[in-house]
């Protein structure tokens, strides 16, 4: 039996023995669906587009850019953040099934793509917001998920003429209080925390995992994220997330 097989067996045992699993995921959860992460060699931060070569991705996704150069912001946003045709992958579907089985109590995600809900998950705390929601910066009315992507230039509210913006947490903005409260409460109540597809470099979101005081903490990532784990109760799997969850799915199907 290979090391990965042993690790997956151990993870499967933890999942079956748990009653309140929380999954904390980052960009690596969606890469198998074709959405690039941020910091890998093929990630969004390393994609060179001549239209935006004079800007950093951090600026292009910042509150400052939205306010000072909204035309630039929305051009970049439409090019890089439209996930309407993207489908969930095995990780999303496996987690949704765990929720249906009453094993998983919540997904806490740093992603803004809405794929967990598309796969069927119901309790999802989107701590960086979602591209599936937009609202008017002036009158605060919600508009359709596709409104920004199907408009041109700076999108305007059909009710008051104000600027429509995505309901995502941009750089320089605070996290949504309701989602944060729900996420932290779920993590505190969990008996098993699975942290996957995140470098844990983005704060304050990365600090949420330290609210966990349950039995098993599992970290799944392509690179070591530097978390101190208890060898007896915790588990680190360094590898491909899709492969791990396909193996878990196979075990679940017998």
Protein backbone atom coordinates (compact mmCIF):
# COMPACT_ATOMS: atom_id res chain seq x y z
CA UNK A 1 0.00 0.00 0.00
CA UNK A 2 1.41 3.41 -1.00
CA UNK A 3 1.76 6.31 1.41
CA UNK A 4 -1.12 8.12 -0.29
CA UNK A 5 -3.37 5.08 0.03
CA UNK A 6 -2.54 4.87 3.72
CA UNK A 7 -3.26 8.57 4.18
CA UNK A 8 -6.57 8.34 2.33
CA UNK A 9 -7.56 5.32 4.43
CA UNK A 10 -6.80 7.28 7.57
CA UNK A 11 -8.70 10.33 6.34
CA UNK A 12 -11.69 8.20 5.40
CA UNK A 13 -11.69 6.73 8.90
CA UNK A 14 -11.63 10.21 10.42
CA UNK A 15 -14.55 11.27 8.22
CA UNK A 16 -16.63 8.22 9.09
CA UNK A 17 -15.92 8.66 12.78
CA UNK A 18 -16.77 12.36 12.85
CA UNK A 19 -20.14 13.97 13.50
CA UNK A 20 -19.41 17.65 12.89
CA UNK A 21 -16.96 18.14 10.02
CA UNK A 22 -16.10 21.61 8.76
CA UNK A 23 -14.28 22.06 5.48
CA UNK A 24 -12.13 25.19 5.13
CA UNK A 25 -11.10 25.64 1.50
CA UNK A 26 -9.12 27.98 -0.71
CA UNK A 27 -8.41 28.48 -4.39
CA UNK A 28 -6.93 25.00 -4.81
CA UNK A 29 -10.41 23.52 -4.39
CA UNK A 30 -11.52 24.97 -7.73
CA UNK A 31 -8.41 24.53 -9.86
CA UNK A 32 -9.61 21.14 -11.14
CA UNK A 33 -12.68 22.93 -12.47
CA UNK A 34 -10.40 25.16 -14.54
CA UNK A 35 -10.30 28.20 -12.29
CA UNK A 36 -6.69 29.30 -11.70
CA UNK A 37 -5.49 29.87 -8.18
CA UNK A 38 -3.61 33.02 -7.26
CA UNK A 39 -0.01 32.30 -6.33
CA UNK A 40 1.11 29.16 -8.20
CA UNK A 41 3.26 29.44 -11.34
CA UNK A 42 0.10 29.26 -13.49
CA UNK A 43 -2.01 31.32 -11.11
CA UNK A 44 -3.76 34.60 -11.62
CA UNK A 45 -0.86 36.59 -10.17
CA UNK A 46 1.50 35.15 -12.78
CA UNK A 47 -0.70 35.57 -15.84
CA UNK A 48 0.65 38.31 -18.08
CA UNK A 49 -1.98 40.26 -20.00
CA UNK A 50 -0.81 43.30 -21.95
CA UNK A 51 -4.05 45.11 -21.14
CA UNK A 52 -3.17 45.09 -17.46
CA UNK A 53 0.62 44.96 -17.52
CA UNK A 54 0.93 48.25 -15.66
CA UNK A 55 -1.18 46.98 -12.75
CA UNK A 56 -0.79 44.37 -10.04
CA UNK A 57 -3.62 41.85 -9.50
CA UNK A 58 -3.92 43.14 -5.94
CA UNK A 59 -4.64 46.62 -7.26
CA UNK A 60 -7.03 45.41 -9.95
CA UNK A 61 -9.10 43.65 -7.29
CA UNK A 62 -8.93 46.50 -4.79
CA UNK A 63 -11.45 49.01 -3.49
CA UNK A 64 -9.13 51.77 -4.68
CA UNK A 65 -9.25 50.51 -8.27
CA UNK A 66 -13.03 50.16 -8.14
CA UNK A 67 -13.40 53.78 -7.02
CA UNK A 68 -10.57 55.49 -8.93
CA UNK A 69 -10.51 53.48 -12.16
CA UNK A 70 -13.83 51.63 -12.40
CA UNK A 71 -13.47 51.06 -16.15
CA UNK A 72 -10.21 49.20 -15.57
CA UNK A 73 -11.65 47.30 -12.62
CA UNK A 74 -14.67 46.03 -14.54
CA UNK A 75 -12.68 45.11 -17.65
CA UNK A 76 -10.39 42.95 -15.51
CA UNK A 77 -13.29 41.56 -13.47
CA UNK A 78 -15.23 40.49 -16.55
CA UNK A 79 -12.15 38.86 -18.08
CA UNK A 80 -11.01 36.94 -15.00
CA UNK A 81 -13.94 36.41 -12.64
CA UNK A 82 -16.76 35.09 -14.82
CA UNK A 83 -17.35 31.51 -13.62
CA UNK A 84 -20.91 31.07 -14.91
CA UNK A 85 -19.98 28.22 -17.25
CA UNK A 86 -17.64 26.49 -14.80
CA UNK A 87 -18.82 23.22 -13.27
CA UNK A 88 -18.05 21.84 -9.80
CA UNK A 89 -15.51 19.03 -9.46
CA UNK A 90 -15.26 15.86 -7.36
CA UNK A 91 -14.28 17.78 -4.22
CA UNK A 92 -17.38 19.98 -4.37
CA UNK A 93 -19.68 17.02 -5.00
CA UNK A 94 -18.13 14.85 -2.27
CA UNK A 95 -18.55 17.63 0.29
CA UNK A 96 -22.17 18.16 -0.73
CA UNK A 97 -22.82 14.45 -0.20
CA UNK A 98 -21.19 14.60 3.25
CA UNK A 99 -23.59 17.38 4.14
CA UNK A 100 -26.57 15.34 2.95
CA UNK A 101 -25.33 12.49 5.15
CA UNK A 102 -25.30 14.89 8.16
CA UNK A 103 -21.53 14.44 8.51
CA UNK A 104 -20.45 17.88 7.36
CA UNK A 105 -21.95 20.88 9.12
CA UNK A 106 -20.43 23.69 7.05
CA UNK A 107 -18.13 24.70 4.22
CA UNK A 108 -16.04 27.78 4.88
CA UNK A 109 -14.64 29.02 1.60
CA UNK A 110 -12.27 31.77 0.55
CA UNK A 111 -13.45 31.28 -3.05
CA UNK A 112 -15.97 33.55 -4.74
CA UNK A 113 -17.05 31.21 -7.55
CA UNK A 114 -20.23 29.72 -6.05
CA UNK A 115 -19.27 26.17 -7.02
CA UNK A 116 -20.04 24.65 -3.62
CA UNK A 117 -23.66 25.76 -3.91
CA UNK A 118 -23.77 24.64 -7.53
CA UNK A 119 -22.72 21.16 -6.38
CA UNK A 120 -25.51 21.08 -3.81
CA UNK A 121 -23.95 22.35 -0.57
CA UNK A 122 -26.37 24.41 1.49
CA UNK A 123 -24.42 25.67 4.51
CA UNK A 124 -21.61 27.66 2.91
CA UNK A 125 -19.88 30.62 4.52
CA UNK A 126 -18.34 32.72 1.74
CA UNK A 127 -15.90 34.81 3.73
CA UNK A 128 -14.71 36.69 0.63
CA UNK A 129 -18.16 37.13 -0.89
CA UNK A 130 -19.40 35.81 -4.22
CA UNK A 131 -19.40 36.71 -7.90
CA UNK A 132 -22.93 35.31 -7.95
CA UNK A 133 -24.26 38.38 -6.14
CA UNK A 134 -24.20 42.05 -7.08
CA UNK A 135 -25.68 45.17 -5.56
CA UNK A 136 -25.96 48.90 -6.13
CA UNK A 137 -23.35 50.88 -4.23
CA UNK A 138 -25.88 53.73 -3.84
CA UNK A 139 -29.33 52.28 -3.12
CA UNK A 140 -28.06 48.82 -2.02
CA UNK A 141 -30.60 46.92 -4.16
CA UNK A 142 -29.56 43.48 -5.31
CA UNK A 143 -29.38 42.80 -9.03
CA UNK A 144 -29.05 39.59 -11.02
CA UNK A 145 -25.84 37.53 -10.82
CA UNK A 146 -25.20 38.06 -14.54
CA UNK A 147 -25.79 41.83 -14.52
CA UNK A 148 -22.14 42.90 -14.44
CA UNK A 149 -20.94 40.29 -16.92
CA UNK A 150 -23.69 41.12 -19.44
CA UNK A 151 -23.24 44.89 -19.30
CA UNK A 152 -20.52 47.12 -20.73
CA UNK A 153 -18.36 49.77 -19.15
CA UNK A 154 -19.26 50.70 -15.59
CA UNK A 155 -22.56 48.94 -14.79
CA UNK A 156 -25.35 51.25 -13.63
CA UNK A 157 -28.30 50.52 -11.38
CA UNK A 158 -31.60 50.35 -13.31
CA UNK A 159 -33.37 51.91 -10.32
CA UNK A 160 -31.20 54.86 -9.25
CA UNK A 161 -28.29 55.03 -11.72
CA UNK A 162 -25.67 54.22 -9.08
CA UNK A 163 -22.74 51.91 -9.75
CA UNK A 164 -23.42 48.19 -9.55
CA UNK A 165 -20.59 46.33 -7.85
CA UNK A 166 -19.92 42.66 -7.11
CA UNK A 167 -20.66 41.45 -3.61
CA UNK A 168 -17.06 40.30 -3.14
CA UNK A 169 -14.52 41.37 -0.56
CA UNK A 170 -11.94 43.46 -2.39
CA UNK A 171 -8.49 44.29 -1.11
CA UNK A 172 -8.76 47.06 1.50
CA UNK A 173 -12.28 45.98 2.49
CA UNK A 174 -13.38 44.16 5.63
CA UNK A 175 -14.79 40.64 5.56
CA UNK A 176 -18.60 40.19 5.72
CA UNK A 177 -19.46 40.08 9.41
CA UNK A 178 -22.32 37.57 9.15
CA UNK A 179 -20.28 35.05 7.14
CA UNK A 180 -17.30 35.42 9.47
CA UNK A 181 -19.44 34.89 12.57
CA UNK A 182 -21.04 31.79 11.07
CA UNK A 183 -17.68 30.39 9.95
CA UNK A 184 -15.96 30.89 13.28
CA UNK A 185 -18.90 29.40 15.19
CA UNK A 186 -18.96 26.33 12.92
CA UNK A 187 -15.21 25.80 13.31
CA UNK A 188 -15.43 26.08 17.09
CA UNK A 189 -18.17 23.44 17.18
CA UNK A 190 -16.46 21.02 14.78
CA UNK A 191 -14.92 17.72 15.83
CA UNK A 192 -12.99 17.43 12.53
CA UNK A 193 -11.57 20.29 10.47
CA UNK A 194 -10.36 19.71 6.92
CA UNK A 195 -8.21 22.55 5.56
CA UNK A 196 -7.60 22.18 1.84
CA UNK A 197 -6.30 24.05 -1.19
CA UNK A 198 -5.10 27.13 0.64
CA UNK A 199 -1.66 28.55 1.36
CA UNK A 200 -3.05 30.20 4.51
CA UNK A 201 -1.32 33.42 3.49
CA UNK A 202 -4.47 35.55 3.36
CA UNK A 203 -5.43 37.10 6.67
CA UNK A 204 -7.61 37.43 8.62
CA UNK A 205 -9.28 34.40 7.00
CA UNK A 206 -6.29 32.11 7.62
CA UNK A 207 -6.50 32.78 11.36
CA UNK A 208 -9.94 31.18 11.59
CA UNK A 209 -8.49 27.66 11.68
CA UNK A 210 -6.96 28.39 15.08
CA UNK A 211 -10.49 28.56 16.51
CA UNK A 212 -10.66 24.78 16.11
CA UNK A 213 -10.28 22.68 19.25
CA UNK A 214 -11.79 19.40 18.10
CA UNK A 215 -10.23 15.97 17.67
CA UNK A 216 -8.86 15.80 14.12
CA UNK A 217 -7.32 18.50 11.94
CA UNK A 218 -6.50 17.54 8.37
CA UNK A 219 -4.45 19.66 5.97
CA UNK A 220 -4.50 18.84 2.26
CA UNK A 221 -2.37 20.98 -0.03
CA UNK A 222 0.24 20.75 -2.78
CA UNK A 223 2.76 22.49 -0.54
CA UNK A 224 3.44 22.45 3.18
CA UNK A 225 1.58 25.35 4.79
CA UNK A 226 3.59 25.31 8.00
CA UNK A 227 0.87 24.33 10.47
CA UNK A 228 2.05 22.43 13.53
CA UNK A 229 0.08 19.17 13.65
CA UNK A 230 -0.29 16.43 16.23
CA UNK A 231 0.93 13.20 14.54
CA UNK A 232 -1.45 11.09 16.59
CA UNK A 233 -4.67 12.97 15.86
CA UNK A 234 -3.94 15.14 12.83
CA UNK A 235 -3.00 14.46 9.22
CA UNK A 236 -1.12 16.26 6.45
CA UNK A 237 -1.55 15.08 2.86
CA UNK A 238 0.69 16.73 0.29
CA UNK A 239 -0.71 16.07 -3.15
CA UNK A 240 -3.46 16.53 -5.69
CA UNK A 241 -6.83 17.29 -4.16
CA UNK A 242 -8.83 15.76 -7.00
CA UNK A 243 -6.98 12.46 -6.66
CA UNK A 244 -7.55 12.36 -2.91
CA UNK A 245 -11.27 13.03 -3.21
CA UNK A 246 -11.69 10.54 -6.07
CA UNK A 247 -10.14 7.92 -3.83
CA UNK A 248 -12.43 8.94 -0.97
CA UNK A 249 -15.42 8.72 -3.31
CA UNK A 250 -14.37 5.24 -4.43
CA UNK A 251 -14.13 4.08 -0.82
CA UNK A 252 -17.54 5.59 -0.04
CA UNK A 253 -19.07 3.67 -2.94
CA UNK A 254 -17.53 0.45 -1.65
